[in-house]
Amino acid sequence: MIETSGTGTIYIVAIMVIITLATRWGGVYFMSVTPINYRVRQFIQAMSASVLVALIAPMAITGDHGARIALLATAVIIFLTQKPLPAITAGIVAAALTRQFVY
C-alpha cells in the first residue's frame, strides 16, 4: 500500500500522470493505424454520445436545482443554435444564477 502522506502523494500523482499519458498516447497511436471507415466512424460517434449520457444522467437524477436548470438551459441552447460553446456558457451561467439566488 502506498502511504498517502509525504512522498506517497507524489508517487500516486506520478502514477496517475503516467497512466493518463499512456492511455492518451496509446489512443492516438491506435487511431493513427486504424483506417477510419464508415463503421469505425459510427462507433466513435456512438461512444462519445454514450459517454456524455453516462456523465449527465446521474446529475439530472440526483443533482440539485442548479444542475437541472443548467441541463435544461444547455439543452435548449444546443437545440436552438447547434453550437456547443454558447450552450455550455448558458448552462454555467444558469447554474451560477440559480445557486446564487435560489439557495
C-alpha atoms as a PDB file:
ATOM      1  CA  MET A   1       0.000   0.000   0.000  1.00  0.00           C
ATOM      2  CA  ILE A   2       1.281   3.481  -0.833  1.00  0.00           C
ATOM      3  CA  GLU A   3       1.306   5.940   2.035  1.00  0.00           C
ATOM      4  CA  THR A   4      -0.908   8.995   1.382  1.00  0.00           C
ATOM      5  CA  SER A   5       1.247  11.436   3.296  1.00  0.00           C
ATOM      6  CA  GLY A   6       4.659  12.831   2.484  1.00  0.00           C
ATOM      7  CA  THR A   7       6.199  11.457  -0.693  1.00  0.00           C
ATOM      8  CA  GLY A   8       3.438   8.868  -1.124  1.00  0.00           C
ATOM      9  CA  THR A   9       1.182  11.557  -2.571  1.00  0.00           C
ATOM     10  CA  ILE A  10       3.828  12.450  -5.148  1.00  0.00           C
ATOM     11  CA  TYR A  11       4.134   8.783  -6.145  1.00  0.00           C
ATOM     12  CA  ILE A  12       0.368   8.488  -6.552  1.00  0.00           C
ATOM     13  CA  VAL A  13       0.196  11.617  -8.727  1.00  0.00           C
ATOM     14  CA  ALA A  14       3.173  10.420 -10.802  1.00  0.00           C
ATOM     15  CA  ILE A  15       1.496   7.055 -11.392  1.00  0.00           C
ATOM     16  CA  MET A  16      -1.734   8.793 -12.452  1.00  0.00           C
ATOM     17  CA  VAL A  17       0.224  11.045 -14.846  1.00  0.00           C
ATOM     18  CA  ILE A  18       1.960   8.046 -16.425  1.00  0.00           C
ATOM     19  CA  ILE A  19      -1.312   6.132 -16.830  1.00  0.00           C
ATOM     20  CA  THR A  20      -3.085   9.178 -18.295  1.00  0.00           C
ATOM     21  CA  LEU A  21      -0.288   9.842 -20.788  1.00  0.00           C
ATOM     22  CA  ALA A  22      -0.115   6.165 -21.747  1.00  0.00           C
ATOM     23  CA  THR A  23      -3.843   5.969 -22.459  1.00  0.00           C
ATOM     24  CA  ARG A  24      -3.891   9.238 -24.400  1.00  0.00           C
ATOM     25  CA  TRP A  25      -0.799   8.469 -26.463  1.00  0.00           C
ATOM     26  CA  GLY A  26      -1.922   4.872 -26.904  1.00  0.00           C
ATOM     27  CA  GLY A  27      -5.279   6.063 -28.204  1.00  0.00           C
ATOM     28  CA  VAL A  28      -3.630   8.449 -30.647  1.00  0.00           C
ATOM     29  CA  TYR A  29      -1.295   5.703 -31.864  1.00  0.00           C
ATOM     30  CA  PHE A  30      -4.131   3.186 -32.158  1.00  0.00           C
ATOM     31  CA  MET A  31      -6.289   5.599 -34.150  1.00  0.00           C
ATOM     32  CA  SER A  32      -3.342   6.538 -36.399  1.00  0.00           C
ATOM     33  CA  VAL A  33      -3.021   2.933 -37.578  1.00  0.00           C
ATOM     34  CA  THR A  34      -6.759   2.211 -37.726  1.00  0.00           C
ATOM     35  CA  PRO A  35      -8.456   3.021 -41.018  1.00  0.00           C
ATOM     36  CA  ILE A  36     -11.434   5.322 -40.417  1.00  0.00           C
ATOM     37  CA  ASN A  37     -14.218   3.771 -42.439  1.00  0.00           C
ATOM     38  CA  TYR A  38     -17.962   4.234 -42.049  1.00  0.00           C
ATOM     39  CA  ARG A  39     -18.284   1.557 -39.368  1.00  0.00           C
ATOM     40  CA  VAL A  40     -15.464   2.988 -37.219  1.00  0.00           C
ATOM     41  CA  ARG A  41     -16.876   6.499 -37.588  1.00  0.00           C
ATOM     42  CA  GLN A  42     -20.292   5.294 -36.413  1.00  0.00           C
ATOM     43  CA  PHE A  43     -18.684   3.540 -33.433  1.00  0.00           C
ATOM     44  CA  ILE A  44     -16.796   6.684 -32.397  1.00  0.00           C
ATOM     45  CA  GLN A  45     -19.922   8.830 -32.635  1.00  0.00           C
ATOM     46  CA  ALA A  46     -21.971   6.331 -30.641  1.00  0.00           C
ATOM     47  CA  MET A  47     -19.299   6.042 -27.944  1.00  0.00           C
ATOM     48  CA  SER A  48     -18.985   9.796 -27.497  1.00  0.00           C
ATOM     49  CA  ALA A  49     -22.749  10.145 -27.129  1.00  0.00           C
ATOM     50  CA  SER A  50     -22.972   7.253 -24.665  1.00  0.00           C
ATOM     51  CA  VAL A  51     -20.145   8.658 -22.525  1.00  0.00           C
ATOM     52  CA  LEU A  52     -21.877  12.031 -22.486  1.00  0.00           C
ATOM     53  CA  VAL A  53     -25.172  10.474 -21.403  1.00  0.00           C
ATOM     54  CA  ALA A  54     -23.386   8.420 -18.728  1.00  0.00           C
ATOM     55  CA  LEU A  55     -21.926  11.615 -17.287  1.00  0.00           C
ATOM     56  CA  ILE A  56     -25.094  13.703 -17.472  1.00  0.00           C
ATOM     57  CA  ALA A  57     -27.804  11.208 -16.445  1.00  0.00           C
ATOM     58  CA  PRO A  58     -26.760  10.871 -12.786  1.00  0.00           C
ATOM     59  CA  MET A  59     -26.561  14.650 -12.458  1.00  0.00           C
ATOM     60  CA  ALA A  60     -30.064  15.016 -13.889  1.00  0.00           C
ATOM     61  CA  ILE A  61     -31.424  12.497 -11.392  1.00  0.00           C
ATOM     62  CA  THR A  62     -29.507  13.301  -8.210  1.00  0.00           C
ATOM     63  CA  GLY A  63     -28.381  16.876  -8.852  1.00  0.00           C
ATOM     64  CA  ASP A  64     -29.729  20.000  -7.211  1.00  0.00           C
ATOM     65  CA  HIS A  65     -31.971  22.573  -8.874  1.00  0.00           C
ATOM     66  CA  GLY A  66     -28.928  24.419 -10.208  1.00  0.00           C
ATOM     67  CA  ALA A  67     -27.750  21.309 -12.041  1.00  0.00           C
ATOM     68  CA  ARG A  68     -31.174  20.637 -13.508  1.00  0.00           C
ATOM     69  CA  ILE A  69     -31.632  24.240 -14.666  1.00  0.00           C
ATOM     70  CA  ALA A  70     -28.136  24.123 -16.185  1.00  0.00           C
ATOM     71  CA  LEU A  71     -29.007  20.947 -18.096  1.00  0.00           C
ATOM     72  CA  LEU A  72     -32.259  22.481 -19.308  1.00  0.00           C
ATOM     73  CA  ALA A  73     -30.550  25.697 -20.430  1.00  0.00           C
ATOM     74  CA  THR A  74     -27.797  23.754 -22.180  1.00  0.00           C
ATOM     75  CA  ALA A  75     -30.301  21.526 -23.980  1.00  0.00           C
ATOM     76  CA  VAL A  76     -32.420  24.464 -25.143  1.00  0.00           C
ATOM     77  CA  ILE A  77     -29.462  26.476 -26.442  1.00  0.00           C
ATOM     78  CA  ILE A  78     -27.861  23.497 -28.197  1.00  0.00           C
ATOM     79  CA  PHE A  79     -31.222  22.719 -29.808  1.00  0.00           C
ATOM     80  CA  LEU A  80     -31.668  26.310 -30.998  1.00  0.00           C
ATOM     81  CA  THR A  81     -28.112  27.104 -32.123  1.00  0.00           C
ATOM     82  CA  GLN A  82     -26.459  23.713 -32.723  1.00  0.00           C
ATOM     83  CA  LYS A  83     -23.283  25.214 -31.224  1.00  0.00           C
ATOM     84  CA  PRO A  84     -21.761  23.751 -28.067  1.00  0.00           C
ATOM     85  CA  LEU A  85     -19.884  26.797 -26.746  1.00  0.00           C
ATOM     86  CA  PRO A  86     -22.953  29.045 -26.275  1.00  0.00           C
ATOM     87  CA  ALA A  87     -24.823  26.081 -24.784  1.00  0.00           C
ATOM     88  CA  ILE A  88     -22.047  25.367 -22.277  1.00  0.00           C
ATOM     89  CA  THR A  89     -21.883  29.060 -21.383  1.00  0.00           C
ATOM     90  CA  ALA A  90     -25.647  29.190 -20.869  1.00  0.00           C
ATOM     91  CA  GLY A  91     -25.506  26.111 -18.644  1.00  0.00           C
ATOM     92  CA  ILE A  92     -22.738  27.546 -16.473  1.00  0.00           C
ATOM     93  CA  VAL A  93     -24.494  30.902 -16.145  1.00  0.00           C
ATOM     94  CA  ALA A  94     -27.849  29.239 -15.383  1.00  0.00           C
ATOM     95  CA  ALA A  95     -26.305  27.059 -12.675  1.00  0.00           C
ATOM     96  CA  ALA A  96     -24.476  30.007 -11.121  1.00  0.00           C
ATOM     97  CA  LEU A  97     -27.537  32.246 -11.100  1.00  0.00           C
ATOM     98  CA  THR A  98     -29.791  29.517  -9.766  1.00  0.00           C
ATOM     99  CA  ARG A  99     -27.385  28.653  -6.981  1.00  0.00           C
ATOM    100  CA  GLN A 100     -26.811  32.325  -6.161  1.00  0.00           C
ATOM    101  CA  PHE A 101     -30.419  33.457  -5.979  1.00  0.00           C
ATOM    102  CA  VAL A 102     -32.448  30.317  -5.192  1.00  0.00           C
ATOM    103  CA  TYR A 103     -30.323  28.802  -2.406  1.00  0.00           C
END
